[in-house]
Amino acid sequence: MLMNCNEFYIYNFGSMSTFPNPRLFFITASILCGFCVSNTLQAQDEMLRDEIGVENREGSATINFGADLMSRYIWRGIDFGNSPAIQPNLDFSWKGLNIGFWGSYAFAKHSMMVNDTTVIEAGAYAETDLFISYTYQWFTLMVFDYFTVNGLNPNEGNRYFDFNNATTGHTFEGCLSFDGGEKFPIEVLASTLFYGDDKNQDSTGVYGSGAKNNFSTYFELAYNITLKKIGVELKPFIGGIPFGSAWYGPSAGVTNLGLTAKKEIPVTKTYSLPVQVSLITNPQAQSVFFVFGISL
């Protein structure tokens, strides 16, 4: 497990059950693509990309802000904070270019298991991310800067301006996504952590404790289903990793599998409240989550 004074989001999966056959991930992904029963990028990835897509289609310069209330912060099949969370966002968009901030702040404190015998108090989970993206037709290139605030003392020990690759709490990720739109409703994501707090194995084989970058990589395949008569959008999805990582899991396999349903509930004649539910499983970690969210 990779841990320092301001990083509480890198989990050690060494004691968890692994997916029985890593090659099954790639076989399953191909089958889902062929029969059009996969889905989109889940939770916060999905919300951010949906927002970027709408702004880019409008084509004018815009400044947007808002917040999501989530019963749990689940990112790529992993729970961060074990608590309901509020997730504010602020961004600027112009002709395919999108720059902004996104955050997640848990309502309660949580504990973390370092190994089979050690549990630590991690405080209230807090994350502040910077992102920049550019969209051209069906493709979006994105760069994220992930940073987790010290949950025990948010006013000290955060080291936000430390960008040394060996000591920084920042982690930079490059992503390329494809969104075929209504005519070809398949979404694909490929992402790699390329700098910062994502290290390889140490001499004992523990991910996150080595000296070199691990370049943790994640793939996701999704399919959009619109049920116009009842006003519901369904998005089954499958995601996984080609090799081990302190971020995702100890070996190749499926780490994110589930279904998201979205609907807008009319409140007044001019305003509807977007809501969503997601059933998310992590086959490698043998975990399951059922999440509810409201967008404000």
C-alpha atoms as a PDB file:
ATOM      1  CA  MET A   1       0.000   0.000   0.000  1.00  0.00           C
ATOM      2  CA  LEU A   2       1.299   3.431  -0.965  1.00  0.00           C
ATOM      3  CA  MET A   3       0.754   5.860   1.872  1.00  0.00           C
ATOM      4  CA  ASN A   4       2.029   9.269   2.922  1.00  0.00           C
ATOM      5  CA  CYS A   5       0.669  12.188   4.926  1.00  0.00           C
ATOM      6  CA  ASN A   6      -1.678  13.339   2.182  1.00  0.00           C
ATOM      7  CA  GLU A   7      -2.428  10.195   0.210  1.00  0.00           C
ATOM      8  CA  PHE A   8      -5.191   7.931   1.489  1.00  0.00           C
ATOM      9  CA  TYR A   9      -6.621   6.676  -1.766  1.00  0.00           C
ATOM     10  CA  ILE A  10      -4.135   4.012  -2.860  1.00  0.00           C
ATOM     11  CA  TYR A  11      -5.372   0.672  -1.567  1.00  0.00           C
ATOM     12  CA  ASN A  12      -3.481  -2.578  -1.072  1.00  0.00           C
ATOM     13  CA  PHE A  13      -5.362  -5.418  -2.730  1.00  0.00           C
ATOM     14  CA  GLY A  14      -2.830  -8.081  -1.810  1.00  0.00           C
ATOM     15  CA  SER A  15      -5.226  -9.951   0.482  1.00  0.00           C
ATOM     16  CA  MET A  16      -8.177  -9.852  -1.934  1.00  0.00           C
ATOM     17  CA  SER A  17      -9.275 -12.625  -4.239  1.00  0.00           C
ATOM     18  CA  THR A  18      -8.131 -12.161  -7.843  1.00  0.00           C
ATOM     19  CA  PHE A  19     -10.111 -12.668 -11.015  1.00  0.00           C
ATOM     20  CA  PRO A  20      -9.710 -16.357 -11.948  1.00  0.00           C
ATOM     21  CA  ASN A  21      -8.631 -15.846 -15.567  1.00  0.00           C
ATOM     22  CA  PRO A  22      -7.164 -12.476 -16.712  1.00  0.00           C
ATOM     23  CA  ARG A  23      -7.746 -13.347 -20.361  1.00  0.00           C
ATOM     24  CA  LEU A  24     -11.469 -13.588 -19.590  1.00  0.00           C
ATOM     25  CA  PHE A  25     -11.548  -9.803 -19.327  1.00  0.00           C
ATOM     26  CA  PHE A  26     -10.555  -9.280 -22.945  1.00  0.00           C
ATOM     27  CA  ILE A  27     -12.838 -12.080 -24.166  1.00  0.00           C
ATOM     28  CA  THR A  28     -15.780 -10.635 -22.227  1.00  0.00           C
ATOM     29  CA  ALA A  29     -15.106  -7.130 -23.539  1.00  0.00           C
ATOM     30  CA  SER A  30     -15.109  -8.345 -27.133  1.00  0.00           C
ATOM     31  CA  ILE A  31     -18.368 -10.236 -26.676  1.00  0.00           C
ATOM     32  CA  LEU A  32     -20.062  -7.247 -25.080  1.00  0.00           C
ATOM     33  CA  CYS A  33     -18.938  -5.009 -27.908  1.00  0.00           C
ATOM     34  CA  GLY A  34     -20.141  -7.429 -30.558  1.00  0.00           C
ATOM     35  CA  PHE A  35     -23.628  -7.809 -29.106  1.00  0.00           C
ATOM     36  CA  CYS A  36     -23.919  -4.155 -28.057  1.00  0.00           C
ATOM     37  CA  VAL A  37     -24.546  -4.825 -24.394  1.00  0.00           C
ATOM     38  CA  SER A  38     -21.735  -2.916 -22.750  1.00  0.00           C
ATOM     39  CA  ASN A  39     -21.858   0.540 -21.193  1.00  0.00           C
ATOM     40  CA  THR A  40     -20.334   3.797 -20.339  1.00  0.00           C
ATOM     41  CA  LEU A  41     -17.808   5.198 -17.973  1.00  0.00           C
ATOM     42  CA  GLN A  42     -19.323   5.124 -14.561  1.00  0.00           C
ATOM     43  CA  ALA A  43     -19.810   7.563 -11.709  1.00  0.00           C
ATOM     44  CA  GLN A  44     -17.628  10.679 -11.761  1.00  0.00           C
ATOM     45  CA  ASP A  45     -15.793   9.881 -15.016  1.00  0.00           C
ATOM     46  CA  GLU A  46     -19.172   9.552 -16.707  1.00  0.00           C
ATOM     47  CA  MET A  47     -20.633  12.784 -15.304  1.00  0.00           C
ATOM     48  CA  LEU A  48     -17.611  14.819 -16.311  1.00  0.00           C
ATOM     49  CA  ARG A  49     -17.502  13.454 -19.848  1.00  0.00           C
ATOM     50  CA  ASP A  50     -21.246  13.944 -20.372  1.00  0.00           C
ATOM     51  CA  GLU A  51     -20.863  17.574 -19.334  1.00  0.00           C
ATOM     52  CA  ILE A  52     -17.860  18.102 -21.638  1.00  0.00           C
ATOM     53  CA  GLY A  53     -19.795  16.628 -24.562  1.00  0.00           C
ATOM     54  CA  VAL A  54     -22.772  18.963 -24.133  1.00  0.00           C
ATOM     55  CA  GLU A  55     -20.564  22.044 -23.855  1.00  0.00           C
ATOM     56  CA  ASN A  56     -18.487  21.153 -26.907  1.00  0.00           C
ATOM     57  CA  ARG A  57     -21.587  20.612 -29.050  1.00  0.00           C
ATOM     58  CA  GLU A  58     -22.824  24.079 -28.125  1.00  0.00           C
ATOM     59  CA  GLY A  59     -19.610  25.579 -29.505  1.00  0.00           C
ATOM     60  CA  SER A  60     -19.698  28.836 -27.501  1.00  0.00           C
ATOM     61  CA  ALA A  61     -17.563  29.888 -24.565  1.00  0.00           C
ATOM     62  CA  THR A  62     -19.232  28.911 -21.294  1.00  0.00           C
ATOM     63  CA  ILE A  63     -18.480  28.808 -17.584  1.00  0.00           C
ATOM     64  CA  ASN A  64     -20.297  26.072 -15.695  1.00  0.00           C
ATOM     65  CA  PHE A  65     -20.483  25.057 -12.061  1.00  0.00           C
ATOM     66  CA  GLY A  66     -22.599  22.749  -9.950  1.00  0.00           C
ATOM     67  CA  ALA A  67     -22.452  19.781  -7.629  1.00  0.00           C
ATOM     68  CA  ASP A  68     -23.487  16.143  -7.337  1.00  0.00           C
ATOM     69  CA  LEU A  69     -24.696  14.460  -4.162  1.00  0.00           C
ATOM     70  CA  MET A  70     -23.637  10.798  -4.143  1.00  0.00           C
ATOM     71  CA  SER A  71     -24.477   8.063  -1.642  1.00  0.00           C
ATOM     72  CA  ARG A  72     -20.945   6.724  -2.238  1.00  0.00           C
ATOM     73  CA  TYR A  73     -17.928   7.861  -4.253  1.00  0.00           C
ATOM     74  CA  ILE A  74     -17.158   4.841  -6.431  1.00  0.00           C
ATOM     75  CA  TRP A  75     -14.430   5.340  -9.043  1.00  0.00           C
ATOM     76  CA  ARG A  76     -13.655   2.530 -11.477  1.00  0.00           C
ATOM     77  CA  GLY A  77     -14.972  -0.092  -9.080  1.00  0.00           C
ATOM     78  CA  ILE A  78     -13.271   1.244  -5.926  1.00  0.00           C
ATOM     79  CA  ASP A  79     -14.916   2.946  -2.934  1.00  0.00           C
ATOM     80  CA  PHE A  80     -13.236   6.167  -1.762  1.00  0.00           C
ATOM     81  CA  GLY A  81     -14.260   7.285   1.719  1.00  0.00           C
ATOM     82  CA  ASN A  82     -17.020   4.782   2.583  1.00  0.00           C
ATOM     83  CA  SER A  83     -19.413   7.707   3.020  1.00  0.00           C
ATOM     84  CA  PRO A  84     -21.923   9.872   1.164  1.00  0.00           C
ATOM     85  CA  ALA A  85     -20.130  12.741  -0.575  1.00  0.00           C
ATOM     86  CA  ILE A  86     -20.717  16.099  -2.213  1.00  0.00           C
ATOM     87  CA  GLN A  87     -18.833  16.627  -5.474  1.00  0.00           C
ATOM     88  CA  PRO A  88     -18.549  20.217  -6.746  1.00  0.00           C
ATOM     89  CA  ASN A  89     -17.356  21.135 -10.234  1.00  0.00           C
ATOM     90  CA  LEU A  90     -16.253  24.289 -12.049  1.00  0.00           C
ATOM     91  CA  ASP A  91     -15.095  24.473 -15.654  1.00  0.00           C
ATOM     92  CA  PHE A  92     -14.552  26.681 -18.678  1.00  0.00           C
ATOM     93  CA  SER A  93     -15.355  25.411 -22.172  1.00  0.00           C
ATOM     94  CA  TRP A  94     -14.719  26.854 -25.631  1.00  0.00           C
ATOM     95  CA  LYS A  95     -14.752  25.153 -29.056  1.00  0.00           C
ATOM     96  CA  GLY A  96     -13.724  21.702 -27.891  1.00  0.00           C
ATOM     97  CA  LEU A  97     -11.377  22.900 -25.143  1.00  0.00           C
ATOM     98  CA  ASN A  98     -12.448  22.283 -21.545  1.00  0.00           C
ATOM     99  CA  ILE A  99     -10.526  23.280 -18.398  1.00  0.00           C
ATOM    100  CA  GLY A 100     -11.802  22.877 -14.872  1.00  0.00           C
ATOM    101  CA  PHE A 101     -11.772  21.550 -11.337  1.00  0.00           C
ATOM    102  CA  TRP A 102     -13.647  18.664  -9.762  1.00  0.00           C
ATOM    103  CA  GLY A 103     -13.734  17.584  -6.120  1.00  0.00           C
ATOM    104  CA  SER A 104     -15.224  15.034  -3.757  1.00  0.00           C
ATOM    105  CA  TYR A 105     -15.726  15.607  -0.029  1.00  0.00           C
ATOM    106  CA  ALA A 106     -17.044  12.878   2.245  1.00  0.00           C
ATOM    107  CA  PHE A 107     -19.601  13.562   4.962  1.00  0.00           C
ATOM    108  CA  ALA A 108     -17.991  11.186   7.501  1.00  0.00           C
ATOM    109  CA  LYS A 109     -14.617   9.855   8.608  1.00  0.00           C
ATOM    110  CA  HIS A 110     -13.441   6.398   7.606  1.00  0.00           C
ATOM    111  CA  SER A 111     -10.874   3.749   8.496  1.00  0.00           C
ATOM    112  CA  MET A 112      -8.594   1.796   6.170  1.00  0.00           C
ATOM    113  CA  MET A 113      -7.064  -1.673   6.461  1.00  0.00           C
ATOM    114  CA  VAL A 114      -3.362  -1.551   5.585  1.00  0.00           C
ATOM    115  CA  ASN A 115      -2.865  -5.304   5.965  1.00  0.00           C
ATOM    116  CA  ASP A 116      -4.467  -8.238   7.771  1.00  0.00           C
ATOM    117  CA  THR A 117      -3.551  -6.857  11.216  1.00  0.00           C
ATOM    118  CA  THR A 118      -3.331  -3.060  10.829  1.00  0.00           C
ATOM    119  CA  VAL A 119      -6.179  -0.530  10.559  1.00  0.00           C
ATOM    120  CA  ILE A 120      -5.586   3.229  10.371  1.00  0.00           C
ATOM    121  CA  GLU A 121      -7.895   6.205  10.809  1.00  0.00           C
ATOM    122  CA  ALA A 122      -7.873   8.182   7.541  1.00  0.00           C
ATOM    123  CA  GLY A 123     -10.234  11.029   8.452  1.00  0.00           C
ATOM    124  CA  ALA A 124     -12.808  12.391   6.018  1.00  0.00           C
ATOM    125  CA  TYR A 125     -11.875  11.657   2.415  1.00  0.00           C
ATOM    126  CA  ALA A 126     -11.286  14.794   0.321  1.00  0.00           C
ATOM    127  CA  GLU A 127     -10.096  15.037  -3.267  1.00  0.00           C
ATOM    128  CA  THR A 128      -9.412  18.028  -5.533  1.00  0.00           C
ATOM    129  CA  ASP A 129      -8.663  17.378  -9.217  1.00  0.00           C
ATOM    130  CA  LEU A 130      -7.645  19.601 -12.121  1.00  0.00           C
ATOM    131  CA  PHE A 131      -8.448  18.538 -15.675  1.00  0.00           C
ATOM    132  CA  ILE A 132      -8.005  19.734 -19.243  1.00  0.00           C
ATOM    133  CA  SER A 133      -9.517  18.145 -22.333  1.00  0.00           C
ATOM    134  CA  TYR A 134      -9.953  18.676 -26.039  1.00  0.00           C
ATOM    135  CA  THR A 135     -12.681  17.084 -28.147  1.00  0.00           C
ATOM    136  CA  TYR A 136     -12.596  16.591 -31.907  1.00  0.00           C
ATOM    137  CA  GLN A 137     -15.609  14.879 -33.421  1.00  0.00           C
ATOM    138  CA  TRP A 138     -15.934  11.511 -31.596  1.00  0.00           C
ATOM    139  CA  PHE A 139     -12.627  11.627 -29.703  1.00  0.00           C
ATOM    140  CA  THR A 140     -11.649  13.402 -26.485  1.00  0.00           C
ATOM    141  CA  LEU A 141      -8.094  13.674 -25.167  1.00  0.00           C
ATOM    142  CA  MET A 142      -7.913  14.383 -21.428  1.00  0.00           C
ATOM    143  CA  VAL A 143      -5.257  14.999 -18.776  1.00  0.00           C
ATOM    144  CA  PHE A 144      -6.188  14.737 -15.085  1.00  0.00           C
ATOM    145  CA  ASP A 145      -4.259  15.846 -12.008  1.00  0.00           C
ATOM    146  CA  TYR A 146      -5.538  13.765  -9.059  1.00  0.00           C
ATOM    147  CA  PHE A 147      -4.770  15.034  -5.556  1.00  0.00           C
ATOM    148  CA  THR A 148      -6.118  13.825  -2.205  1.00  0.00           C
ATOM    149  CA  VAL A 149      -6.187  16.244   0.715  1.00  0.00           C
ATOM    150  CA  ASN A 150      -4.992  15.183   4.178  1.00  0.00           C
ATOM    151  CA  GLY A 151      -8.222  13.889   5.737  1.00  0.00           C
ATOM    152  CA  LEU A 152      -6.944  14.182   9.296  1.00  0.00           C
ATOM    153  CA  ASN A 153      -5.668  17.760   9.052  1.00  0.00           C
ATOM    154  CA  PRO A 154      -6.695  19.535   5.813  1.00  0.00           C
ATOM    155  CA  ASN A 155      -4.822  22.730   6.753  1.00  0.00           C
ATOM    156  CA  GLU A 156      -1.388  21.121   7.089  1.00  0.00           C
ATOM    157  CA  GLY A 157       0.747  18.468   5.469  1.00  0.00           C
ATOM    158  CA  ASN A 158      -0.917  18.473   2.069  1.00  0.00           C
ATOM    159  CA  ARG A 159       2.181  19.338  -0.009  1.00  0.00           C
ATOM    160  CA  TYR A 160       0.030  20.493  -2.928  1.00  0.00           C
ATOM    161  CA  PHE A 161       2.895  22.395  -4.566  1.00  0.00           C
ATOM    162  CA  ASP A 162       5.334  19.466  -4.399  1.00  0.00           C
ATOM    163  CA  PHE A 163       5.633  18.139  -7.956  1.00  0.00           C
ATOM    164  CA  ASN A 164       8.792  16.054  -7.531  1.00  0.00           C
ATOM    165  CA  ASN A 165       8.050  12.667  -9.103  1.00  0.00           C
ATOM    166  CA  ALA A 166       9.529  10.780  -6.131  1.00  0.00           C
ATOM    167  CA  THR A 167       7.690  12.647  -3.354  1.00  0.00           C
ATOM    168  CA  THR A 168       4.604  14.317  -4.845  1.00  0.00           C
ATOM    169  CA  GLY A 169       1.063  13.470  -3.803  1.00  0.00           C
ATOM    170  CA  HIS A 170      -0.201  14.379  -7.270  1.00  0.00           C
ATOM    171  CA  THR A 171      -0.874  11.732  -9.903  1.00  0.00           C
ATOM    172  CA  PHE A 172      -1.196  12.694 -13.566  1.00  0.00           C
ATOM    173  CA  GLU A 173      -3.250  10.628 -15.979  1.00  0.00           C
ATOM    174  CA  GLY A 174      -3.671  10.747 -19.742  1.00  0.00           C
ATOM    175  CA  CYS A 175      -6.978   9.504 -21.208  1.00  0.00           C
ATOM    176  CA  LEU A 176      -8.348   8.996 -24.684  1.00  0.00           C
ATOM    177  CA  SER A 177     -12.072   8.370 -25.067  1.00  0.00           C
ATOM    178  CA  PHE A 178     -14.378   7.631 -27.983  1.00  0.00           C
ATOM    179  CA  ASP A 179     -18.092   8.459 -28.005  1.00  0.00           C
ATOM    180  CA  GLY A 180     -20.033   7.425 -31.099  1.00  0.00           C
ATOM    181  CA  GLY A 181     -23.159   9.389 -30.173  1.00  0.00           C
ATOM    182  CA  GLU A 182     -26.723   8.312 -30.919  1.00  0.00           C
ATOM    183  CA  LYS A 183     -25.935   6.666 -34.275  1.00  0.00           C
ATOM    184  CA  PHE A 184     -23.135   4.509 -32.830  1.00  0.00           C
ATOM    185  CA  PRO A 185     -23.770   4.491 -29.061  1.00  0.00           C
ATOM    186  CA  ILE A 186     -20.536   2.817 -27.985  1.00  0.00           C
ATOM    187  CA  GLU A 187     -18.083   4.510 -25.618  1.00  0.00           C
ATOM    188  CA  VAL A 188     -14.477   3.423 -25.106  1.00  0.00           C
ATOM    189  CA  LEU A 189     -11.902   4.715 -22.619  1.00  0.00           C
ATOM    190  CA  ALA A 190      -8.158   4.062 -22.361  1.00  0.00           C
ATOM    191  CA  SER A 191      -6.174   5.737 -19.576  1.00  0.00           C
ATOM    192  CA  THR A 192      -2.654   5.583 -18.108  1.00  0.00           C
ATOM    193  CA  LEU A 193      -1.141   7.167 -14.995  1.00  0.00           C
ATOM    194  CA  PHE A 194       2.115   8.614 -16.287  1.00  0.00           C
ATOM    195  CA  TYR A 195       3.634  10.709 -13.467  1.00  0.00           C
ATOM    196  CA  GLY A 196       3.607  11.032  -9.711  1.00  0.00           C
ATOM    197  CA  ASP A 197       2.146   8.879  -6.959  1.00  0.00           C
ATOM    198  CA  ASP A 198       1.799   5.595  -8.873  1.00  0.00           C
ATOM    199  CA  LYS A 199       4.823   3.409  -8.186  1.00  0.00           C
ATOM    200  CA  ASN A 200       5.728  -0.124  -9.166  1.00  0.00           C
ATOM    201  CA  GLN A 201       6.486  -3.153  -6.985  1.00  0.00           C
ATOM    202  CA  ASP A 202       9.183  -3.150  -4.317  1.00  0.00           C
ATOM    203  CA  SER A 203      11.546  -6.073  -3.633  1.00  0.00           C
ATOM    204  CA  THR A 204       8.768  -7.960  -1.825  1.00  0.00           C
ATOM    205  CA  GLY A 205       6.321  -7.574  -4.711  1.00  0.00           C
ATOM    206  CA  VAL A 206       4.062  -4.921  -3.143  1.00  0.00           C
ATOM    207  CA  TYR A 207       2.693  -2.446  -5.672  1.00  0.00           C
ATOM    208  CA  GLY A 208       3.005   1.231  -4.796  1.00  0.00           C
ATOM    209  CA  SER A 209       6.182   0.868  -2.742  1.00  0.00           C
ATOM    210  CA  GLY A 210       8.748   0.766  -5.547  1.00  0.00           C
ATOM    211  CA  ALA A 211      10.900   3.593  -6.882  1.00  0.00           C
ATOM    212  CA  LYS A 212       9.775   3.694 -10.529  1.00  0.00           C
ATOM    213  CA  ASN A 213       6.477   4.703 -12.093  1.00  0.00           C
ATOM    214  CA  ASN A 214       4.089   1.806 -12.619  1.00  0.00           C
ATOM    215  CA  PHE A 215       2.107   3.397 -15.490  1.00  0.00           C
ATOM    216  CA  SER A 216      -1.111   1.842 -14.198  1.00  0.00           C
ATOM    217  CA  THR A 217      -3.506   1.432 -17.123  1.00  0.00           C
ATOM    218  CA  TYR A 218      -7.272   1.082 -17.272  1.00  0.00           C
ATOM    219  CA  PHE A 219      -9.663   0.268 -20.139  1.00  0.00           C
ATOM    220  CA  GLU A 220     -13.435   0.584 -20.247  1.00  0.00           C
ATOM    221  CA  LEU A 221     -16.104  -0.326 -22.776  1.00  0.00           C
ATOM    222  CA  ALA A 222     -19.696   0.935 -22.647  1.00  0.00           C
ATOM    223  CA  TYR A 223     -22.972   1.085 -24.536  1.00  0.00           C
ATOM    224  CA  ASN A 224     -25.790   3.641 -24.297  1.00  0.00           C
ATOM    225  CA  ILE A 225     -29.413   2.511 -24.342  1.00  0.00           C
ATOM    226  CA  THR A 226     -32.142   5.177 -24.481  1.00  0.00           C
ATOM    227  CA  LEU A 227     -35.686   4.174 -23.489  1.00  0.00           C
ATOM    228  CA  LYS A 228     -37.503   7.234 -24.813  1.00  0.00           C
ATOM    229  CA  LYS A 229     -41.013   6.136 -23.833  1.00  0.00           C
ATOM    230  CA  ILE A 230     -40.169   6.090 -20.137  1.00  0.00           C
ATOM    231  CA  GLY A 231     -37.390   8.709 -20.255  1.00  0.00           C
ATOM    232  CA  VAL A 232     -34.641   6.441 -18.925  1.00  0.00           C
ATOM    233  CA  GLU A 233     -31.042   6.008 -20.079  1.00  0.00           C
ATOM    234  CA  LEU A 234     -29.332   2.681 -19.357  1.00  0.00           C
ATOM    235  CA  LYS A 235     -25.570   2.208 -19.529  1.00  0.00           C
ATOM    236  CA  PRO A 236     -24.014  -1.215 -18.873  1.00  0.00           C
ATOM    237  CA  PHE A 237     -20.220  -1.067 -18.602  1.00  0.00           C
ATOM    238  CA  ILE A 238     -17.142  -3.220 -18.158  1.00  0.00           C
ATOM    239  CA  GLY A 239     -13.638  -2.055 -17.229  1.00  0.00           C
ATOM    240  CA  GLY A 240     -10.378  -3.644 -16.240  1.00  0.00           C
ATOM    241  CA  ILE A 241      -6.599  -3.550 -16.116  1.00  0.00           C
ATOM    242  CA  PRO A 242      -3.909  -5.388 -18.146  1.00  0.00           C
ATOM    243  CA  PHE A 243      -1.451  -5.677 -15.220  1.00  0.00           C
ATOM    244  CA  GLY A 244      -1.232  -5.112 -11.463  1.00  0.00           C
ATOM    245  CA  SER A 245      -1.390  -1.747  -9.735  1.00  0.00           C
ATOM    246  CA  ALA A 246      -1.625  -0.197  -6.278  1.00  0.00           C
ATOM    247  CA  TRP A 247      -4.508   1.849  -7.643  1.00  0.00           C
ATOM    248  CA  TYR A 248      -6.705  -0.912  -9.060  1.00  0.00           C
ATOM    249  CA  GLY A 249      -5.649  -4.405  -8.009  1.00  0.00           C
ATOM    250  CA  PRO A 250      -2.799  -6.949  -7.839  1.00  0.00           C
ATOM    251  CA  SER A 251      -3.187  -8.525 -11.291  1.00  0.00           C
ATOM    252  CA  ALA A 252      -4.838  -8.249 -14.690  1.00  0.00           C
ATOM    253  CA  GLY A 253      -8.594  -8.653 -14.722  1.00  0.00           C
ATOM    254  CA  VAL A 254     -12.021  -7.035 -14.522  1.00  0.00           C
ATOM    255  CA  THR A 255     -12.266  -4.381 -11.802  1.00  0.00           C
ATOM    256  CA  ASN A 256     -15.420  -2.491 -12.790  1.00  0.00           C
ATOM    257  CA  LEU A 257     -18.605  -4.127 -14.060  1.00  0.00           C
ATOM    258  CA  GLY A 258     -22.162  -2.868 -13.738  1.00  0.00           C
ATOM    259  CA  LEU A 259     -25.141  -0.838 -14.908  1.00  0.00           C
ATOM    260  CA  THR A 260     -26.118   2.835 -14.581  1.00  0.00           C
ATOM    261  CA  ALA A 261     -29.682   4.138 -15.005  1.00  0.00           C
ATOM    262  CA  LYS A 262     -30.440   7.857 -15.421  1.00  0.00           C
ATOM    263  CA  LYS A 263     -33.680   9.820 -15.402  1.00  0.00           C
ATOM    264  CA  GLU A 264     -34.793  13.424 -15.106  1.00  0.00           C
ATOM    265  CA  ILE A 265     -37.603  13.967 -12.595  1.00  0.00           C
ATOM    266  CA  PRO A 266     -39.816  17.020 -13.362  1.00  0.00           C
ATOM    267  CA  VAL A 267     -39.916  19.501 -10.470  1.00  0.00           C
ATOM    268  CA  THR A 268     -41.479  22.534 -12.195  1.00  0.00           C
ATOM    269  CA  LYS A 269     -42.510  23.311 -15.779  1.00  0.00           C
ATOM    270  CA  THR A 270     -39.005  24.560 -16.542  1.00  0.00           C
ATOM    271  CA  TYR A 271     -36.789  22.475 -14.237  1.00  0.00           C
ATOM    272  CA  SER A 272     -36.101  18.765 -13.927  1.00  0.00           C
ATOM    273  CA  LEU A 273     -33.872  17.065 -11.362  1.00  0.00           C
ATOM    274  CA  PRO A 274     -31.339  14.617 -12.865  1.00  0.00           C
ATOM    275  CA  VAL A 275     -31.000  11.436 -10.781  1.00  0.00           C
ATOM    276  CA  GLN A 276     -29.105   8.203 -11.304  1.00  0.00           C
ATOM    277  CA  VAL A 277     -28.556   4.803  -9.745  1.00  0.00           C
ATOM    278  CA  SER A 278     -25.617   2.486 -10.417  1.00  0.00           C
ATOM    279  CA  LEU A 279     -25.077  -1.162  -9.589  1.00  0.00           C
ATOM    280  CA  ILE A 280     -21.296  -1.582  -9.580  1.00  0.00           C
ATOM    281  CA  THR A 281     -19.265  -4.721  -8.978  1.00  0.00           C
ATOM    282  CA  ASN A 282     -15.530  -5.282  -8.743  1.00  0.00           C
ATOM    283  CA  PRO A 283     -14.913  -8.963  -9.626  1.00  0.00           C
ATOM    284  CA  GLN A 284     -11.233  -8.812  -8.710  1.00  0.00           C
ATOM    285  CA  ALA A 285     -11.923  -7.400  -5.227  1.00  0.00           C
ATOM    286  CA  GLN A 286     -15.160  -9.426  -4.824  1.00  0.00           C
ATOM    287  CA  SER A 287     -17.078  -6.241  -3.911  1.00  0.00           C
ATOM    288  CA  VAL A 288     -20.436  -4.741  -4.888  1.00  0.00           C
ATOM    289  CA  PHE A 289     -21.966  -1.243  -4.547  1.00  0.00           C
ATOM    290  CA  PHE A 290     -25.416   0.210  -5.190  1.00  0.00           C
ATOM    291  CA  VAL A 291     -25.113   3.983  -5.565  1.00  0.00           C
ATOM    292  CA  PHE A 292     -27.664   6.802  -5.837  1.00  0.00           C
ATOM    293  CA  GLY A 293     -26.837  10.305  -7.044  1.00  0.00           C
ATOM    294  CA  ILE A 294     -28.497  13.701  -7.633  1.00  0.00           C
ATOM    295  CA  SER A 295     -27.064  16.445  -9.866  1.00  0.00           C
ATOM    296  CA  LEU A 296     -27.646  20.080  -8.832  1.00  0.00           C
END
